[in-house]
């Protein structure tokens, strides 16, 4: 039982660490995107086609980021299920034949 609790705590800790790191990286990327968009809006010489390519690139990395988060969440669930499915080993019982008189 102790092993199950330890494994569950370890998985919960790793998931919380991943979630917090992912949130921080997402915030940094979103801030960089806002700054970049502000710069692009002020750039008059950039053609409209280039702006569309940049928007497409931003959409692609956001989709990739969301897909990555989904895969990680799914795998954390699978990992937790794996540890819950492992039966707890029972202590071996002494056989009646092994007793000496």
C-alpha atoms as a PDB file:
ATOM      1  CA  UNK A   1       0.000   0.000   0.000  1.00  0.00           C
ATOM      2  CA  UNK A   2       2.875   2.362   0.752  1.00  0.00           C
ATOM      3  CA  UNK A   3       4.297   1.767  -2.718  1.00  0.00           C
ATOM      4  CA  UNK A   4       0.982   2.657  -4.359  1.00  0.00           C
ATOM      5  CA  UNK A   5       0.734   5.867  -2.352  1.00  0.00           C
ATOM      6  CA  UNK A   6       4.330   6.784  -3.126  1.00  0.00           C
ATOM      7  CA  UNK A   7       3.836   6.128  -6.849  1.00  0.00           C
ATOM      8  CA  UNK A   8       0.613   8.164  -6.889  1.00  0.00           C
ATOM      9  CA  UNK A   9       2.291  11.060  -5.079  1.00  0.00           C
ATOM     10  CA  UNK A  10       5.234  10.905  -7.478  1.00  0.00           C
ATOM     11  CA  UNK A  11       2.932  10.971 -10.525  1.00  0.00           C
ATOM     12  CA  UNK A  12       0.846  13.810  -9.058  1.00  0.00           C
ATOM     13  CA  UNK A  13       4.020  15.797  -8.371  1.00  0.00           C
ATOM     14  CA  UNK A  14       5.332  15.249 -11.898  1.00  0.00           C
ATOM     15  CA  UNK A  15       1.973  16.226 -13.421  1.00  0.00           C
ATOM     16  CA  UNK A  16       1.766  19.383 -11.312  1.00  0.00           C
ATOM     17  CA  UNK A  17       5.329  20.283 -12.279  1.00  0.00           C
ATOM     18  CA  UNK A  18       4.565  19.723 -15.952  1.00  0.00           C
ATOM     19  CA  UNK A  19       1.318  21.713 -15.772  1.00  0.00           C
ATOM     20  CA  UNK A  20       3.000  24.660 -14.044  1.00  0.00           C
ATOM     21  CA  UNK A  21       5.914  24.683 -16.483  1.00  0.00           C
ATOM     22  CA  UNK A  22       3.591  24.360 -19.460  1.00  0.00           C
ATOM     23  CA  UNK A  23       1.475  27.262 -18.195  1.00  0.00           C
ATOM     24  CA  UNK A  24       4.565  29.439 -17.732  1.00  0.00           C
ATOM     25  CA  UNK A  25       5.871  28.631 -21.224  1.00  0.00           C
ATOM     26  CA  UNK A  26       2.422  29.303 -22.700  1.00  0.00           C
ATOM     27  CA  UNK A  27       2.297  32.686 -20.999  1.00  0.00           C
ATOM     28  CA  UNK A  28       5.762  33.552 -22.346  1.00  0.00           C
ATOM     29  CA  UNK A  29       4.820  32.494 -25.872  1.00  0.00           C
ATOM     30  CA  UNK A  30       1.551  34.434 -25.748  1.00  0.00           C
ATOM     31  CA  UNK A  31       3.364  37.546 -24.522  1.00  0.00           C
ATOM     32  CA  UNK A  32       5.963  37.198 -27.288  1.00  0.00           C
ATOM     33  CA  UNK A  33       3.137  36.833 -29.820  1.00  0.00           C
ATOM     34  CA  UNK A  34       1.460  40.025 -28.571  1.00  0.00           C
ATOM     35  CA  UNK A  35       4.740  41.930 -28.768  1.00  0.00           C
ATOM     36  CA  UNK A  36       5.418  40.558 -32.242  1.00  0.00           C
ATOM     37  CA  UNK A  37       1.909  41.474 -33.438  1.00  0.00           C
ATOM     38  CA  UNK A  38       2.357  45.010 -32.129  1.00  0.00           C
ATOM     39  CA  UNK A  39       5.619  45.277 -34.047  1.00  0.00           C
ATOM     40  CA  UNK A  40       4.022  43.861 -37.218  1.00  0.00           C
ATOM     41  CA  UNK A  41       1.106  46.315 -37.005  1.00  0.00           C
ATOM     42  CA  UNK A  42       3.562  49.214 -36.857  1.00  0.00           C
ATOM     43  CA  UNK A  43       5.594  47.920 -39.799  1.00  0.00           C
ATOM     44  CA  UNK A  44       4.083  49.501 -42.901  1.00  0.00           C
ATOM     45  CA  UNK A  45       6.487  48.014 -45.456  1.00  0.00           C
ATOM     46  CA  UNK A  46       5.648  44.352 -44.692  1.00  0.00           C
ATOM     47  CA  UNK A  47       3.431  42.848 -47.436  1.00  0.00           C
ATOM     48  CA  UNK A  48       0.039  41.375 -46.506  1.00  0.00           C
ATOM     49  CA  UNK A  49       1.126  37.938 -47.737  1.00  0.00           C
ATOM     50  CA  UNK A  50       3.966  37.923 -45.200  1.00  0.00           C
ATOM     51  CA  UNK A  51       1.525  38.796 -42.439  1.00  0.00           C
ATOM     52  CA  UNK A  52      -0.702  35.863 -43.445  1.00  0.00           C
ATOM     53  CA  UNK A  53       2.312  33.514 -43.362  1.00  0.00           C
ATOM     54  CA  UNK A  54       3.207  34.746 -39.887  1.00  0.00           C
ATOM     55  CA  UNK A  55      -0.383  34.268 -38.694  1.00  0.00           C
ATOM     56  CA  UNK A  56      -0.371  30.752 -40.127  1.00  0.00           C
ATOM     57  CA  UNK A  57       2.909  29.998 -38.359  1.00  0.00           C
ATOM     58  CA  UNK A  58       1.483  31.241 -35.055  1.00  0.00           C
ATOM     59  CA  UNK A  59      -1.611  29.078 -35.523  1.00  0.00           C
ATOM     60  CA  UNK A  60       0.564  26.056 -36.260  1.00  0.00           C
ATOM     61  CA  UNK A  61       2.656  26.391 -33.118  1.00  0.00           C
ATOM     62  CA  UNK A  62      -0.469  26.955 -30.991  1.00  0.00           C
ATOM     63  CA  UNK A  63      -2.007  23.776 -32.420  1.00  0.00           C
ATOM     64  CA  UNK A  64       1.238  21.878 -31.788  1.00  0.00           C
ATOM     65  CA  UNK A  65       1.351  23.188 -28.238  1.00  0.00           C
ATOM     66  CA  UNK A  66      -2.250  22.113 -27.601  1.00  0.00           C
ATOM     67  CA  UNK A  67      -1.609  18.682 -29.153  1.00  0.00           C
ATOM     68  CA  UNK A  68       1.489  18.215 -26.984  1.00  0.00           C
ATOM     69  CA  UNK A  69      -0.473  19.126 -23.837  1.00  0.00           C
ATOM     70  CA  UNK A  70      -3.211  16.674 -24.775  1.00  0.00           C
ATOM     71  CA  UNK A  71      -0.744  13.836 -25.318  1.00  0.00           C
ATOM     72  CA  UNK A  72       1.002  14.533 -22.010  1.00  0.00           C
ATOM     73  CA  UNK A  73      -2.279  14.647 -20.079  1.00  0.00           C
ATOM     74  CA  UNK A  74      -3.380  11.386 -21.692  1.00  0.00           C
ATOM     75  CA  UNK A  75      -0.085   9.711 -20.814  1.00  0.00           C
ATOM     76  CA  UNK A  76      -0.210  10.883 -17.202  1.00  0.00           C
ATOM     77  CA  UNK A  77      -3.618   9.207 -16.932  1.00  0.00           C
ATOM     78  CA  UNK A  78      -2.224   6.019 -18.481  1.00  0.00           C
ATOM     79  CA  UNK A  79       0.713   6.070 -16.088  1.00  0.00           C
ATOM     80  CA  UNK A  80      -1.573   6.465 -13.077  1.00  0.00           C
ATOM     81  CA  UNK A  81      -3.770   3.620 -14.352  1.00  0.00           C
ATOM     82  CA  UNK A  82      -0.688   1.447 -14.777  1.00  0.00           C
ATOM     83  CA  UNK A  83       0.325   1.856 -11.147  1.00  0.00           C
ATOM     84  CA  UNK A  84      -3.238   1.271  -9.943  1.00  0.00           C
ATOM     85  CA  UNK A  85      -3.435  -1.965 -11.944  1.00  0.00           C
ATOM     86  CA  UNK A  86      -0.333  -3.471 -10.334  1.00  0.00           C
ATOM     87  CA  UNK A  87      -1.414  -5.835  -7.552  1.00  0.00           C
ATOM     88  CA  UNK A  88       0.184  -5.389  -4.164  1.00  0.00           C
ATOM     89  CA  UNK A  89       2.507  -8.312  -3.429  1.00  0.00           C
ATOM     90  CA  UNK A  90       1.442 -10.378  -0.460  1.00  0.00           C
ATOM     91  CA  UNK A  91       3.832 -11.588   2.188  1.00  0.00           C
ATOM     92  CA  UNK A  92       4.702 -15.237   1.674  1.00  0.00           C
ATOM     93  CA  UNK A  93       3.254 -17.556   4.271  1.00  0.00           C
ATOM     94  CA  UNK A  94       5.395 -20.236   5.829  1.00  0.00           C
ATOM     95  CA  UNK A  95       4.384 -23.665   4.645  1.00  0.00           C
ATOM     96  CA  UNK A  96       3.462 -26.242   7.300  1.00  0.00           C
ATOM     97  CA  UNK A  97       6.236 -28.518   6.022  1.00  0.00           C
ATOM     98  CA  UNK A  98       8.958 -25.988   6.749  1.00  0.00           C
ATOM     99  CA  UNK A  99       8.305 -25.964  10.490  1.00  0.00           C
ATOM    100  CA  UNK A 100      10.777 -27.960  12.516  1.00  0.00           C
ATOM    101  CA  UNK A 101       9.853 -29.712  15.711  1.00  0.00           C
END
